[in-house]
Amino acid sequence: MQIILASANKGKVKEFKSWMRGFEVHAFSDVMEPFEIEENGMSFKENALIKARAVYEKLKDKSSIVISDDSGISVNALEHAPGIYSARYAGVGATSAQNLDKLIATLKQRGLKKAPAYYTAAIAIVCQHGEFCVHGWMFGNVIDTKRGDNGFGYDPIFVPLGHTETLGELPESFKEQFSHRANALELAQIILKTMKR
C-alpha cells in the first residue's frame, strides 16, 4: 500500500516514515512537482484535509492514499496562540527558528518563565474510500529558554507533563511513543489497516 505524505517538512517526513513501518511511504514531492497549498482553514482538521485533498486531486494513481498532518502548539496564557498559525507565527515564510524565537520573546514580554501548553496533531486521510481525520494531543509546559537539539519546531521549549526535560532533550524514542503525532498516528493506523484487508 503506497502512502503519499502531503508534506515537504523533512522533520515530519522522517517521523512518519519511522512510525509507519510496514507501509511504503513517500513525500508528495517524490511523486509530483511540488506546489504551494494555501492553508486557509480555521482548525487543524480543516487545514489537514485541505492539504490531503490538494495532493490527492493531482495524483495519477488514485489507489494511493494521501496522508496530511496539521499540527501546532497552543499556549493557554496566550489565548491558545500560536495554534493553527504555529508554522507562520513570525510571519509568512518564517523559519522554525524564527517562530521559536518569537514565542520565547512573547513569553518573556508577558513575564512567563513557564506556562501550560499543548501540542495538537490532526491527521487527514484522503483516498478512494473517502476522507477521514483523527486527532492526538500532548500536554505540558513551555519555558522561556531553549534546551536541547533533538526534535524540531518548538520542541526545545516544550516540557511534557511528568518530565523535567524538554522534547529537545528527551530521546527521539520518547516522541515516537508519546507525542501528539504518535497518538494521532495510532488512530490513523487503525483506519489504514482496515483498508489493507
Foldseek 3Di string as FASTA:
>chain_A
DEEEELDPPPLVQVLCCVLDPVYHYYYLVVVDPDDDFDQPDPAQQSSFVSSQVVSCVPDPDQQYKYKYKQKAKFFVVVVGPPHSCLCACVHPPDHLVSSLLVVLVVCVVVVHQKTKMKMKMKMWMQGPVGIDIFMFMFIFMFGNDFDAQPGTRNQRGGATPPGDHGSRNDDVVCCCCDHRVNVRVVVVVVVVVVVVD
